């Protein structure tokens, strides 16, 4: 297994852990949605409900979830592109496979790795 493929496997492992965290956040968001609906249906006004909401707020959970998926998804795309390229696939072939431009693949191949733990 090439170092690039090993990096991809490690990125997949980390993505899997991030997805589990995202499942937990999704469940919290679903609870917040139910709470907001219930409060609104009981006639409470939004300016009363949201400040009383337990932190983190629904919008904060949404942002954290999106950022988590973006960070780990970017790492998987980058390491997968590098592994495919290292093992002989052309940038054009990777671009077709990923549904992006050849220029985007070239950027993935040259981007400096992001440490998701930082």
PDB file of N, CA and C in Angstrom:
ATOM      1  N   UNK A   1       0.867  -1.181   0.000  1.00  0.00           N
ATOM      2  CA  UNK A   1       0.000   0.000   0.000  1.00  0.00           C
ATOM      3  C   UNK A   1       0.909   1.238   0.000  1.00  0.00           C
ATOM      4  N   UNK A   2       0.614   2.154  -0.905  1.00  0.00           N
ATOM      5  CA  UNK A   2       1.426   3.367  -0.999  1.00  0.00           C
ATOM      6  C   UNK A   2       1.146   4.282   0.200  1.00  0.00           C
ATOM      7  N   UNK A   3       2.076   5.199   0.495  1.00  0.00           N
ATOM      8  CA  UNK A   3       1.812   6.165   1.571  1.00  0.00           C
ATOM      9  C   UNK A   3       0.547   6.981   1.309  1.00  0.00           C
ATOM     10  N   UNK A   4       0.272   7.293   0.052  1.00  0.00           N
ATOM     11  CA  UNK A   4      -0.927   8.050  -0.294  1.00  0.00           C
ATOM     12  C   UNK A   4      -2.191   7.240   0.006  1.00  0.00           C
ATOM     13  N   UNK A   5      -2.149   5.950  -0.288  1.00  0.00           N
ATOM     14  CA  UNK A   5      -3.299   5.096   0.005  1.00  0.00           C
ATOM     15  C   UNK A   5      -3.471   4.932   1.509  1.00  0.00           C
ATOM     16  N   UNK A   6      -2.354   4.823   2.234  1.00  0.00           N
ATOM     17  CA  UNK A   6      -2.432   4.749   3.693  1.00  0.00           C
ATOM     18  C   UNK A   6      -3.051   6.028   4.261  1.00  0.00           C
ATOM     19  N   UNK A   7      -2.674   7.178   3.709  1.00  0.00           N
ATOM     20  CA  UNK A   7      -3.256   8.455   4.147  1.00  0.00           C
ATOM     21  C   UNK A   7      -4.757   8.474   3.871  1.00  0.00           C
ATOM     22  N   UNK A   8      -5.164   7.916   2.721  1.00  0.00           N
ATOM     23  CA  UNK A   8      -6.589   7.847   2.379  1.00  0.00           C
ATOM     24  C   UNK A   8      -7.335   6.962   3.371  1.00  0.00           C
ATOM     25  N   UNK A   9      -6.770   5.813   3.696  1.00  0.00           N
ATOM     26  CA  UNK A   9      -7.410   4.899   4.664  1.00  0.00           C
ATOM     27  C   UNK A   9      -7.539   5.584   6.020  1.00  0.00           C
ATOM     28  N   UNK A  10      -6.513   6.308   6.433  1.00  0.00           N
ATOM     29  CA  UNK A  10      -6.573   7.035   7.702  1.00  0.00           C
ATOM     30  C   UNK A  10      -7.651   8.126   7.644  1.00  0.00           C
ATOM     31  N   UNK A  11      -7.738   8.809   6.500  1.00  0.00           N
ATOM     32  CA  UNK A  11      -8.770   9.849   6.334  1.00  0.00           C
ATOM     33  C   UNK A  11     -10.161   9.239   6.401  1.00  0.00           C
ATOM     34  N   UNK A  12     -10.333   8.035   5.839  1.00  0.00           N
ATOM     35  CA  UNK A  12     -11.627   7.359   5.916  1.00  0.00           C
ATOM     36  C   UNK A  12     -11.986   7.034   7.371  1.00  0.00           C
ATOM     37  N   UNK A  13     -11.011   6.573   8.116  1.00  0.00           N
ATOM     38  CA  UNK A  13     -11.232   6.266   9.536  1.00  0.00           C
ATOM     39  C   UNK A  13     -11.681   7.522  10.286  1.00  0.00           C
ATOM     40  N   UNK A  14     -10.966   8.617  10.050  1.00  0.00           N
ATOM     41  CA  UNK A  14     -11.311   9.869  10.721  1.00  0.00           C
ATOM     42  C   UNK A  14     -12.678  10.389  10.281  1.00  0.00           C
ATOM     43  N   UNK A  15     -12.999  10.219   8.991  1.00  0.00           N
ATOM     44  CA  UNK A  15     -14.319  10.624   8.497  1.00  0.00           C
ATOM     45  C   UNK A  15     -15.402   9.808   9.178  1.00  0.00           C
ATOM     46  N   UNK A  16     -15.168   8.527   9.346  1.00  0.00           N
ATOM     47  CA  UNK A  16     -16.152   7.678  10.009  1.00  0.00           C
ATOM     48  C   UNK A  16     -16.430   8.169  11.429  1.00  0.00           C
ATOM     49  N   UNK A  17     -15.385   8.542  12.153  1.00  0.00           N
ATOM     50  CA  UNK A  17     -15.562   9.078  13.504  1.00  0.00           C
ATOM     51  C   UNK A  17     -16.313  10.410  13.456  1.00  0.00           C
ATOM     52  N   UNK A  18     -15.991  11.245  12.475  1.00  0.00           N
ATOM     53  CA  UNK A  18     -16.684  12.528  12.330  1.00  0.00           C
ATOM     54  C   UNK A  18     -18.156  12.313  12.000  1.00  0.00           C
ATOM     55  N   UNK A  19     -18.445  11.319  11.177  1.00  0.00           N
ATOM     56  CA  UNK A  19     -19.845  11.023  10.845  1.00  0.00           C
ATOM     57  C   UNK A  19     -20.612  10.574  12.084  1.00  0.00           C
ATOM     58  N   UNK A  20     -19.968   9.812  12.944  1.00  0.00           N
ATOM     59  CA  UNK A  20     -20.626   9.407  14.188  1.00  0.00           C
ATOM     60  C   UNK A  20     -20.932  10.633  15.048  1.00  0.00           C
ATOM     61  N   UNK A  21     -19.975  11.557  15.136  1.00  0.00           N
ATOM     62  CA  UNK A  21     -20.227  12.803  15.879  1.00  0.00           C
ATOM     63  C   UNK A  21     -21.366  13.572  15.232  1.00  0.00           C
ATOM     64  N   UNK A  22     -21.425  13.533  13.906  1.00  0.00           N
ATOM     65  CA  UNK A  22     -22.478  14.248  13.185  1.00  0.00           C
ATOM     66  C   UNK A  22     -23.842  13.608  13.445  1.00  0.00           C
ATOM     67  N   UNK A  23     -23.892  12.287  13.571  1.00  0.00           N
ATOM     68  CA  UNK A  23     -25.149  11.609  13.910  1.00  0.00           C
ATOM     69  C   UNK A  23     -25.644  12.104  15.266  1.00  0.00           C
ATOM     70  N   UNK A  24     -24.736  12.215  16.207  1.00  0.00           N
ATOM     71  CA  UNK A  24     -25.107  12.705  17.541  1.00  0.00           C
ATOM     72  C   UNK A  24     -25.609  14.145  17.475  1.00  0.00           C
ATOM     73  N   UNK A  25     -24.936  14.975  16.679  1.00  0.00           N
ATOM     74  CA  UNK A  25     -25.391  16.358  16.523  1.00  0.00           C
ATOM     75  C   UNK A  25     -26.743  16.411  15.828  1.00  0.00           C
ATOM     76  N   UNK A  26     -26.952  15.538  14.846  1.00  0.00           N
ATOM     77  CA  UNK A  26     -28.229  15.491  14.136  1.00  0.00           C
ATOM     78  C   UNK A  26     -29.355  15.155  15.106  1.00  0.00           C
ATOM     79  N   UNK A  27     -29.117  14.207  15.986  1.00  0.00           N
ATOM     80  CA  UNK A  27     -30.133  13.855  16.978  1.00  0.00           C
ATOM     81  C   UNK A  27     -30.422  15.033  17.906  1.00  0.00           C
ATOM     82  N   UNK A  28     -29.385  15.759  18.294  1.00  0.00           N
ATOM     83  CA  UNK A  28     -29.606  16.953  19.120  1.00  0.00           C
ATOM     84  C   UNK A  28     -30.403  18.000  18.358  1.00  0.00           C
ATOM     85  N   UNK A  29     -30.085  18.174  17.068  1.00  0.00           N
ATOM     86  CA  UNK A  29     -30.814  19.152  16.257  1.00  0.00           C
ATOM     87  C   UNK A  29     -32.272  18.756  16.107  1.00  0.00           C
ATOM     88  N   UNK A  30     -32.533  17.474  15.932  1.00  0.00           N
ATOM     89  CA  UNK A  30     -33.918  17.016  15.820  1.00  0.00           C
ATOM     90  C   UNK A  30     -34.678  17.303  17.108  1.00  0.00           C
ATOM     91  N   UNK A  31     -34.016  17.137  18.241  1.00  0.00           N
ATOM     92  CA  UNK A  31     -34.639  17.486  19.518  1.00  0.00           C
ATOM     93  C   UNK A  31     -34.936  18.974  19.603  1.00  0.00           C
ATOM     94  N   UNK A  32     -34.001  19.792  19.121  1.00  0.00           N
ATOM     95  CA  UNK A  32     -34.199  21.248  19.128  1.00  0.00           C
ATOM     96  C   UNK A  32     -35.349  21.643  18.210  1.00  0.00           C
ATOM     97  N   UNK A  33     -35.447  21.008  17.079  1.00  0.00           N
ATOM     98  CA  UNK A  33     -36.541  21.294  16.152  1.00  0.00           C
ATOM     99  C   UNK A  33     -37.883  20.983  16.811  1.00  0.00           C
ATOM    100  N   UNK A  34     -37.966  19.830  17.457  1.00  0.00           N
ATOM    101  CA  UNK A  34     -39.205  19.456  18.144  1.00  0.00           C
ATOM    102  C   UNK A  34     -39.532  20.462  19.238  1.00  0.00           C
ATOM    103  N   UNK A  35     -38.525  20.892  19.980  1.00  0.00           N
ATOM    104  CA  UNK A  35     -38.720  21.877  21.041  1.00  0.00           C
ATOM    105  C   UNK A  35     -39.237  23.194  20.460  1.00  0.00           C
ATOM    106  N   UNK A  36     -38.592  23.673  19.399  1.00  0.00           N
ATOM    107  CA  UNK A  36     -39.012  24.937  18.788  1.00  0.00           C
ATOM    108  C   UNK A  36     -40.445  24.848  18.254  1.00  0.00           C
ATOM    109  N   UNK A  37     -40.763  23.772  17.584  1.00  0.00           N
ATOM    110  CA  UNK A  37     -42.127  23.597  17.069  1.00  0.00           C
ATOM    111  C   UNK A  37     -43.151  23.594  18.201  1.00  0.00           C
ATOM    112  N   UNK A  38     -42.828  22.861  19.255  1.00  0.00           N
ATOM    113  CA  UNK A  38     -43.748  22.763  20.394  1.00  0.00           C
ATOM    114  C   UNK A  38     -43.974  24.140  21.023  1.00  0.00           C
ATOM    115  N   UNK A  39     -42.907  24.848  21.257  1.00  0.00           N
ATOM    116  CA  UNK A  39     -43.011  26.173  21.867  1.00  0.00           C
ATOM    117  C   UNK A  39     -43.797  27.136  20.983  1.00  0.00           C
ATOM    118  N   UNK A  40     -43.533  27.104  19.691  1.00  0.00           N
ATOM    119  CA  UNK A  40     -44.255  27.981  18.759  1.00  0.00           C
ATOM    120  C   UNK A  40     -45.730  27.608  18.690  1.00  0.00           C
ATOM    121  N   UNK A  41     -46.020  26.304  18.694  1.00  0.00           N
ATOM    122  CA  UNK A  41     -47.423  25.879  18.626  1.00  0.00           C
ATOM    123  C   UNK A  41     -48.194  26.241  19.891  1.00  0.00           C
ATOM    124  N   UNK A  42     -47.471  26.409  20.995  1.00  0.00           N
ATOM    125  CA  UNK A  42     -48.108  26.822  22.245  1.00  0.00           C
ATOM    126  C   UNK A  42     -48.271  28.339  22.338  1.00  0.00           C
ATOM    127  N   UNK A  43     -47.896  29.031  21.256  1.00  0.00           N
ATOM    128  CA  UNK A  43     -48.116  30.466  21.204  1.00  0.00           C
ATOM    129  C   UNK A  43     -46.958  31.324  21.675  1.00  0.00           C
ATOM    130  N   UNK A  44     -45.853  30.705  22.039  1.00  0.00           N
ATOM    131  CA  UNK A  44     -44.695  31.494  22.460  1.00  0.00           C
ATOM    132  C   UNK A  44     -44.058  32.173  21.246  1.00  0.00           C
ATOM    133  N   UNK A  45     -43.479  33.319  21.471  1.00  0.00           N
ATOM    134  CA  UNK A  45     -42.838  34.086  20.404  1.00  0.00           C
ATOM    135  C   UNK A  45     -41.367  33.678  20.304  1.00  0.00           C
ATOM    136  N   UNK A  46     -40.867  33.691  19.095  1.00  0.00           N
ATOM    137  CA  UNK A  46     -39.485  33.299  18.835  1.00  0.00           C
ATOM    138  C   UNK A  46     -38.471  34.071  19.688  1.00  0.00           C
ATOM    139  N   UNK A  47     -38.634  35.396  19.860  1.00  0.00           N
ATOM    140  CA  UNK A  47     -37.670  36.117  20.706  1.00  0.00           C
ATOM    141  C   UNK A  47     -37.670  35.668  22.174  1.00  0.00           C
ATOM    142  N   UNK A  48     -38.722  34.979  22.585  1.00  0.00           N
ATOM    143  CA  UNK A  48     -38.752  34.419  23.937  1.00  0.00           C
ATOM    144  C   UNK A  48     -38.110  33.030  23.963  1.00  0.00           C
ATOM    145  N   UNK A  49     -38.325  32.287  22.888  1.00  0.00           N
ATOM    146  CA  UNK A  49     -37.910  30.885  22.841  1.00  0.00           C
ATOM    147  C   UNK A  49     -36.404  30.744  22.661  1.00  0.00           C
ATOM    148  N   UNK A  50     -35.863  31.396  21.659  1.00  0.00           N
ATOM    149  CA  UNK A  50     -34.464  31.182  21.295  1.00  0.00           C
ATOM    150  C   UNK A  50     -33.499  31.559  22.421  1.00  0.00           C
ATOM    151  N   UNK A  51     -33.661  32.717  23.070  1.00  0.00           N
ATOM    152  CA  UNK A  51     -32.735  33.023  24.167  1.00  0.00           C
ATOM    153  C   UNK A  51     -32.813  32.025  25.324  1.00  0.00           C
ATOM    154  N   UNK A  52     -33.951  31.361  25.475  1.00  0.00           N
ATOM    155  CA  UNK A  52     -34.117  30.389  26.551  1.00  0.00           C
ATOM    156  C   UNK A  52     -33.621  29.001  26.143  1.00  0.00           C
ATOM    157  N   UNK A  53     -33.317  28.844  24.863  1.00  0.00           N
ATOM    158  CA  UNK A  53     -32.864  27.559  24.349  1.00  0.00           C
ATOM    159  C   UNK A  53     -31.508  27.201  24.962  1.00  0.00           C
ATOM    160  N   UNK A  54     -31.339  25.923  25.252  1.00  0.00           N
ATOM    161  CA  UNK A  54     -30.089  25.442  25.819  1.00  0.00           C
ATOM    162  C   UNK A  54     -28.970  25.564  24.791  1.00  0.00           C
ATOM    163  N   UNK A  55     -27.794  25.979  25.211  1.00  0.00           N
ATOM    164  CA  UNK A  55     -26.647  26.107  24.324  1.00  0.00           C
ATOM    165  C   UNK A  55     -26.009  24.737  24.104  1.00  0.00           C
ATOM    166  N   UNK A  56     -25.506  24.473  22.924  1.00  0.00           N
ATOM    167  CA  UNK A  56     -25.465  25.323  21.738  1.00  0.00           C
ATOM    168  C   UNK A  56     -26.826  25.379  21.038  1.00  0.00           C
ATOM    169  N   UNK A  57     -27.088  26.521  20.448  1.00  0.00           N
ATOM    170  CA  UNK A  57     -28.338  26.731  19.730  1.00  0.00           C
ATOM    171  C   UNK A  57     -28.383  25.867  18.469  1.00  0.00           C
ATOM    172  N   UNK A  58     -29.566  25.700  17.940  1.00  0.00           N
ATOM    173  CA  UNK A  58     -29.755  24.938  16.712  1.00  0.00           C
ATOM    174  C   UNK A  58     -28.843  25.460  15.602  1.00  0.00           C
ATOM    175  N   UNK A  59     -28.786  26.768  15.423  1.00  0.00           N
ATOM    176  CA  UNK A  59     -27.961  27.332  14.354  1.00  0.00           C
ATOM    177  C   UNK A  59     -26.476  27.051  14.599  1.00  0.00           C
ATOM    178  N   UNK A  60     -26.071  27.007  15.857  1.00  0.00           N
ATOM    179  CA  UNK A  60     -24.681  26.681  16.168  1.00  0.00           C
ATOM    180  C   UNK A  60     -24.380  25.219  15.858  1.00  0.00           C
ATOM    181  N   UNK A  61     -25.309  24.339  16.153  1.00  0.00           N
ATOM    182  CA  UNK A  61     -25.141  22.928  15.824  1.00  0.00           C
ATOM    183  C   UNK A  61     -25.071  22.726  14.311  1.00  0.00           C
ATOM    184  N   UNK A  62     -25.900  23.459  13.582  1.00  0.00           N
ATOM    185  CA  UNK A  62     -25.864  23.370  12.116  1.00  0.00           C
ATOM    186  C   UNK A  62     -24.502  23.772  11.570  1.00  0.00           C
ATOM    187  N   UNK A  63     -23.966  24.863  12.087  1.00  0.00           N
ATOM    188  CA  UNK A  63     -22.659  25.337  11.637  1.00  0.00           C
ATOM    189  C   UNK A  63     -21.569  24.325  11.972  1.00  0.00           C
ATOM    190  N   UNK A  64     -21.595  23.801  13.188  1.00  0.00           N
ATOM    191  CA  UNK A  64     -20.595  22.823  13.600  1.00  0.00           C
ATOM    192  C   UNK A  64     -20.677  21.563  12.739  1.00  0.00           C
ATOM    193  N   UNK A  65     -21.878  21.118  12.454  1.00  0.00           N
ATOM    194  CA  UNK A  65     -22.081  19.930  11.632  1.00  0.00           C
ATOM    195  C   UNK A  65     -21.543  20.150  10.220  1.00  0.00           C
ATOM    196  N   UNK A  66     -21.886  21.272   9.625  1.00  0.00           N
ATOM    197  CA  UNK A  66     -21.423  21.582   8.271  1.00  0.00           C
ATOM    198  C   UNK A  66     -19.900  21.695   8.226  1.00  0.00           C
ATOM    199  N   UNK A  67     -19.326  22.346   9.221  1.00  0.00           N
ATOM    200  CA  UNK A  67     -17.867  22.498   9.265  1.00  0.00           C
ATOM    201  C   UNK A  67     -17.167  21.150   9.418  1.00  0.00           C
ATOM    202  N   UNK A  68     -17.725  20.296  10.241  1.00  0.00           N
ATOM    203  CA  UNK A  68     -17.162  18.972  10.458  1.00  0.00           C
ATOM    204  C   UNK A  68     -17.141  18.174   9.151  1.00  0.00           C
ATOM    205  N   UNK A  69     -18.273  18.151   8.450  1.00  0.00           N
ATOM    206  CA  UNK A  69     -18.344  17.425   7.184  1.00  0.00           C
ATOM    207  C   UNK A  69     -17.415  18.030   6.133  1.00  0.00           C
ATOM    208  N   UNK A  70     -17.341  19.346   6.107  1.00  0.00           N
ATOM    209  CA  UNK A  70     -16.465  20.013   5.140  1.00  0.00           C
ATOM    210  C   UNK A  70     -15.005  19.655   5.401  1.00  0.00           C
ATOM    211  N   UNK A  71     -14.580  19.746   6.646  1.00  0.00           N
ATOM    212  CA  UNK A  71     -13.182  19.477   6.990  1.00  0.00           C
ATOM    213  C   UNK A  71     -12.776  18.052   6.639  1.00  0.00           C
ATOM    214  N   UNK A  72     -13.538  17.085   7.111  1.00  0.00           N
ATOM    215  CA  UNK A  72     -13.171  15.696   6.879  1.00  0.00           C
ATOM    216  C   UNK A  72     -13.457  15.264   5.451  1.00  0.00           C
ATOM    217  N   UNK A  73     -14.490  15.819   4.830  1.00  0.00           N
ATOM    218  CA  UNK A  73     -14.773  15.522   3.427  1.00  0.00           C
ATOM    219  C   UNK A  73     -13.670  16.022   2.513  1.00  0.00           C
ATOM    220  N   UNK A  74     -13.156  17.198   2.792  1.00  0.00           N
ATOM    221  CA  UNK A  74     -12.052  17.752   2.011  1.00  0.00           C
ATOM    222  C   UNK A  74     -10.821  16.864   2.130  1.00  0.00           C
ATOM    223  N   UNK A  75     -10.560  16.413   3.330  1.00  0.00           N
ATOM    224  CA  UNK A  75      -9.402  15.547   3.549  1.00  0.00           C
ATOM    225  C   UNK A  75      -9.545  14.226   2.787  1.00  0.00           C
ATOM    226  N   UNK A  76     -10.735  13.641   2.800  1.00  0.00           N
ATOM    227  CA  UNK A  76     -10.951  12.392   2.060  1.00  0.00           C
ATOM    228  C   UNK A  76     -10.788  12.632   0.566  1.00  0.00           C
ATOM    229  N   UNK A  77     -11.389  13.690   0.034  1.00  0.00           N
ATOM    230  CA  UNK A  77     -11.258  13.991  -1.401  1.00  0.00           C
ATOM    231  C   UNK A  77      -9.791  14.160  -1.793  1.00  0.00           C
ATOM    232  N   UNK A  78      -9.063  14.930  -0.985  1.00  0.00           N
ATOM    233  CA  UNK A  78      -7.668  15.215  -1.297  1.00  0.00           C
ATOM    234  C   UNK A  78      -6.828  13.934  -1.259  1.00  0.00           C
ATOM    235  N   UNK A  79      -6.961  13.146  -0.181  1.00  0.00           N
ATOM    236  CA  UNK A  79      -6.143  11.939  -0.059  1.00  0.00           C
ATOM    237  C   UNK A  79      -6.541  10.896  -1.100  1.00  0.00           C
ATOM    238  N   UNK A  80      -7.836  10.814  -1.429  1.00  0.00           N
ATOM    239  CA  UNK A  80      -8.263   9.868  -2.455  1.00  0.00           C
ATOM    240  C   UNK A  80      -7.714  10.266  -3.815  1.00  0.00           C
ATOM    241  N   UNK A  81      -7.774  11.551  -4.142  1.00  0.00           N
ATOM    242  CA  UNK A  81      -7.234  12.027  -5.421  1.00  0.00           C
ATOM    243  C   UNK A  81      -5.743  11.737  -5.502  1.00  0.00           C
ATOM    244  N   UNK A  82      -5.029  11.977  -4.429  1.00  0.00           N
ATOM    245  CA  UNK A  82      -3.583  11.724  -4.419  1.00  0.00           C
ATOM    246  C   UNK A  82      -3.279  10.242  -4.563  1.00  0.00           C
ATOM    247  N   UNK A  83      -4.038   9.387  -3.874  1.00  0.00           N
ATOM    248  CA  UNK A  83      -3.811   7.948  -3.978  1.00  0.00           C
ATOM    249  C   UNK A  83      -4.107   7.452  -5.395  1.00  0.00           C
ATOM    250  N   UNK A  84      -5.214   7.911  -5.970  1.00  0.00           N
ATOM    251  CA  UNK A  84      -5.555   7.504  -7.335  1.00  0.00           C
ATOM    252  C   UNK A  84      -4.483   7.963  -8.322  1.00  0.00           C
ATOM    253  N   UNK A  85      -4.027   9.186  -8.158  1.00  0.00           N
ATOM    254  CA  UNK A  85      -3.016   9.739  -9.053  1.00  0.00           C
ATOM    255  C   UNK A  85      -1.698   8.989  -8.898  1.00  0.00           C
ATOM    256  N   UNK A  86      -1.316   8.715  -7.676  1.00  0.00           N
ATOM    257  CA  UNK A  86      -0.067   7.983  -7.393  1.00  0.00           C
ATOM    258  C   UNK A  86      -0.103   6.591  -8.011  1.00  0.00           C
ATOM    259  N   UNK A  87      -1.301   6.003  -8.062  1.00  0.00           N
ATOM    260  CA  UNK A  87      -1.432   4.655  -8.596  1.00  0.00           C
ATOM    261  C   UNK A  87      -1.750   4.658 -10.094  1.00  0.00           C
ATOM    262  N   UNK A  88      -1.578   5.823 -10.745  1.00  0.00           N
ATOM    263  CA  UNK A  88      -1.604   5.867 -12.200  1.00  0.00           C
ATOM    264  C   UNK A  88      -2.804   6.499 -12.863  1.00  0.00           C
ATOM    265  N   UNK A  89      -3.805   6.933 -12.115  1.00  0.00           N
ATOM    266  CA  UNK A  89      -4.970   7.534 -12.753  1.00  0.00           C
ATOM    267  C   UNK A  89      -4.638   8.977 -13.139  1.00  0.00           C
ATOM    268  N   UNK A  90      -5.077   9.367 -14.316  1.00  0.00           N
ATOM    269  CA  UNK A  90      -4.823  10.727 -14.800  1.00  0.00           C
ATOM    270  C   UNK A  90      -5.705  11.734 -14.071  1.00  0.00           C
ATOM    271  N   UNK A  91      -5.282  12.995 -14.137  1.00  0.00           N
ATOM    272  CA  UNK A  91      -6.099  14.050 -13.529  1.00  0.00           C
ATOM    273  C   UNK A  91      -7.454  14.130 -14.234  1.00  0.00           C
ATOM    274  N   UNK A  92      -7.473  13.884 -15.538  1.00  0.00           N
ATOM    275  CA  UNK A  92      -8.734  13.897 -16.273  1.00  0.00           C
ATOM    276  C   UNK A  92      -9.653  12.777 -15.794  1.00  0.00           C
ATOM    277  N   UNK A  93      -9.077  11.598 -15.580  1.00  0.00           N
ATOM    278  CA  UNK A  93      -9.867  10.465 -15.098  1.00  0.00           C
ATOM    279  C   UNK A  93     -10.422  10.709 -13.701  1.00  0.00           C
ATOM    280  N   UNK A  94      -9.607  11.285 -12.832  1.00  0.00           N
ATOM    281  CA  UNK A  94     -10.065  11.609 -11.473  1.00  0.00           C
ATOM    282  C   UNK A  94     -11.158  12.664 -11.535  1.00  0.00           C
ATOM    283  N   UNK A  95     -10.980  13.644 -12.404  1.00  0.00           N
ATOM    284  CA  UNK A  95     -11.978  14.704 -12.550  1.00  0.00           C
ATOM    285  C   UNK A  95     -13.325  14.128 -12.978  1.00  0.00           C
ATOM    286  N   UNK A  96     -13.312  13.230 -13.947  1.00  0.00           N
ATOM    287  CA  UNK A  96     -14.560  12.590 -14.386  1.00  0.00           C
ATOM    288  C   UNK A  96     -15.176  11.786 -13.242  1.00  0.00           C
ATOM    289  N   UNK A  97     -14.352  11.046 -12.541  1.00  0.00           N
ATOM    290  CA  UNK A  97     -14.820  10.213 -11.437  1.00  0.00           C
ATOM    291  C   UNK A  97     -15.446  11.057 -10.324  1.00  0.00           C
ATOM    292  N   UNK A  98     -14.803  12.157  -9.977  1.00  0.00           N
ATOM    293  CA  UNK A  98     -15.271  13.022  -8.890  1.00  0.00           C
ATOM    294  C   UNK A  98     -16.349  14.005  -9.337  1.00  0.00           C
ATOM    295  N   UNK A  99     -16.497  14.201 -10.650  1.00  0.00           N
ATOM    296  CA  UNK A  99     -17.477  15.162 -11.154  1.00  0.00           C
ATOM    297  C   UNK A  99     -17.038  16.606 -10.966  1.00  0.00           C
ATOM    298  N   UNK A 100     -15.719  16.826 -11.093  1.00  0.00           N
ATOM    299  CA  UNK A 100     -15.156  18.170 -10.953  1.00  0.00           C
ATOM    300  C   UNK A 100     -14.262  18.454 -12.153  1.00  0.00           C
ATOM    301  N   UNK A 101     -13.736  19.667 -12.201  1.00  0.00           N
ATOM    302  CA  UNK A 101     -12.843  20.028 -13.301  1.00  0.00           C
ATOM    303  C   UNK A 101     -11.443  19.456 -13.076  1.00  0.00           C
ATOM    304  N   UNK A 102     -10.696  19.366 -14.146  1.00  0.00           N
ATOM    305  CA  UNK A 102      -9.301  18.929 -14.067  1.00  0.00           C
ATOM    306  C   UNK A 102      -8.500  19.891 -13.198  1.00  0.00           C
ATOM    307  N   UNK A 103      -8.835  21.182 -13.292  1.00  0.00           N
ATOM    308  CA  UNK A 103      -8.142  22.187 -12.479  1.00  0.00           C
ATOM    309  C   UNK A 103      -8.401  21.946 -10.991  1.00  0.00           C
ATOM    310  N   UNK A 104      -9.614  21.534 -10.642  1.00  0.00           N
ATOM    311  CA  UNK A 104      -9.930  21.252  -9.237  1.00  0.00           C
ATOM    312  C   UNK A 104      -9.110  20.069  -8.742  1.00  0.00           C
ATOM    313  N   UNK A 105      -8.965  19.051  -9.580  1.00  0.00           N
ATOM    314  CA  UNK A 105      -8.156  17.891  -9.206  1.00  0.00           C
ATOM    315  C   UNK A 105      -6.705  18.320  -9.020  1.00  0.00           C
ATOM    316  N   UNK A 106      -6.203  19.151  -9.912  1.00  0.00           N
ATOM    317  CA  UNK A 106      -4.830  19.636  -9.771  1.00  0.00           C
ATOM    318  C   UNK A 106      -4.652  20.384  -8.449  1.00  0.00           C
ATOM    319  N   UNK A 107      -5.670  21.145  -8.066  1.00  0.00           N
ATOM    320  CA  UNK A 107      -5.610  21.847  -6.777  1.00  0.00           C
ATOM    321  C   UNK A 107      -5.602  20.852  -5.619  1.00  0.00           C
ATOM    322  N   UNK A 108      -6.410  19.801  -5.706  1.00  0.00           N
ATOM    323  CA  UNK A 108      -6.424  18.779  -4.657  1.00  0.00           C
ATOM    324  C   UNK A 108      -5.064  18.107  -4.537  1.00  0.00           C
ATOM    325  N   UNK A 109      -4.410  17.920  -5.666  1.00  0.00           N
ATOM    326  CA  UNK A 109      -3.118  17.241  -5.661  1.00  0.00           C
ATOM    327  C   UNK A 109      -2.018  18.106  -5.069  1.00  0.00           C
ATOM    328  N   UNK A 110      -2.157  19.417  -5.145  1.00  0.00           N
ATOM    329  CA  UNK A 110      -1.088  20.286  -4.646  1.00  0.00           C
ATOM    330  C   UNK A 110      -1.416  20.963  -3.313  1.00  0.00           C
ATOM    331  N   UNK A 111      -2.672  20.905  -2.855  1.00  0.00           N
ATOM    332  CA  UNK A 111      -3.052  21.540  -1.595  1.00  0.00           C
ATOM    333  C   UNK A 111      -2.210  21.014  -0.441  1.00  0.00           C
ATOM    334  N   UNK A 112      -1.890  21.906   0.463  1.00  0.00           N
ATOM    335  CA  UNK A 112      -1.182  21.529   1.683  1.00  0.00           C
ATOM    336  C   UNK A 112      -2.178  20.796   2.580  1.00  0.00           C
ATOM    337  N   UNK A 113      -1.776  19.661   3.162  1.00  0.00           N
ATOM    338  CA  UNK A 113      -2.693  18.925   4.031  1.00  0.00           C
ATOM    339  C   UNK A 113      -3.227  19.782   5.178  1.00  0.00           C
ATOM    340  N   UNK A 114      -4.490  19.561   5.494  1.00  0.00           N
ATOM    341  CA  UNK A 114      -5.155  20.246   6.608  1.00  0.00           C
ATOM    342  C   UNK A 114      -5.177  19.296   7.778  1.00  0.00           C
ATOM    343  N   UNK A 115      -4.736  19.762   8.939  1.00  0.00           N
ATOM    344  CA  UNK A 115      -4.811  18.935  10.142  1.00  0.00           C
ATOM    345  C   UNK A 115      -6.137  19.209  10.805  1.00  0.00           C
ATOM    346  N   UNK A 116      -7.096  18.253  10.723  1.00  0.00           N
ATOM    347  CA  UNK A 116      -8.431  18.490  11.303  1.00  0.00           C
ATOM    348  C   UNK A 116      -8.404  18.576  12.824  1.00  0.00           C
ATOM    349  N   UNK A 117      -7.319  18.188  13.451  1.00  0.00           N
ATOM    350  CA  UNK A 117      -7.212  18.246  14.899  1.00  0.00           C
ATOM    351  C   UNK A 117      -6.771  19.628  15.374  1.00  0.00           C
ATOM    352  N   UNK A 118      -6.244  20.444  14.450  1.00  0.00           N
ATOM    353  CA  UNK A 118      -5.717  21.769  14.832  1.00  0.00           C
ATOM    354  C   UNK A 118      -6.822  22.757  15.088  1.00  0.00           C
TER     355      UNK A 118
END
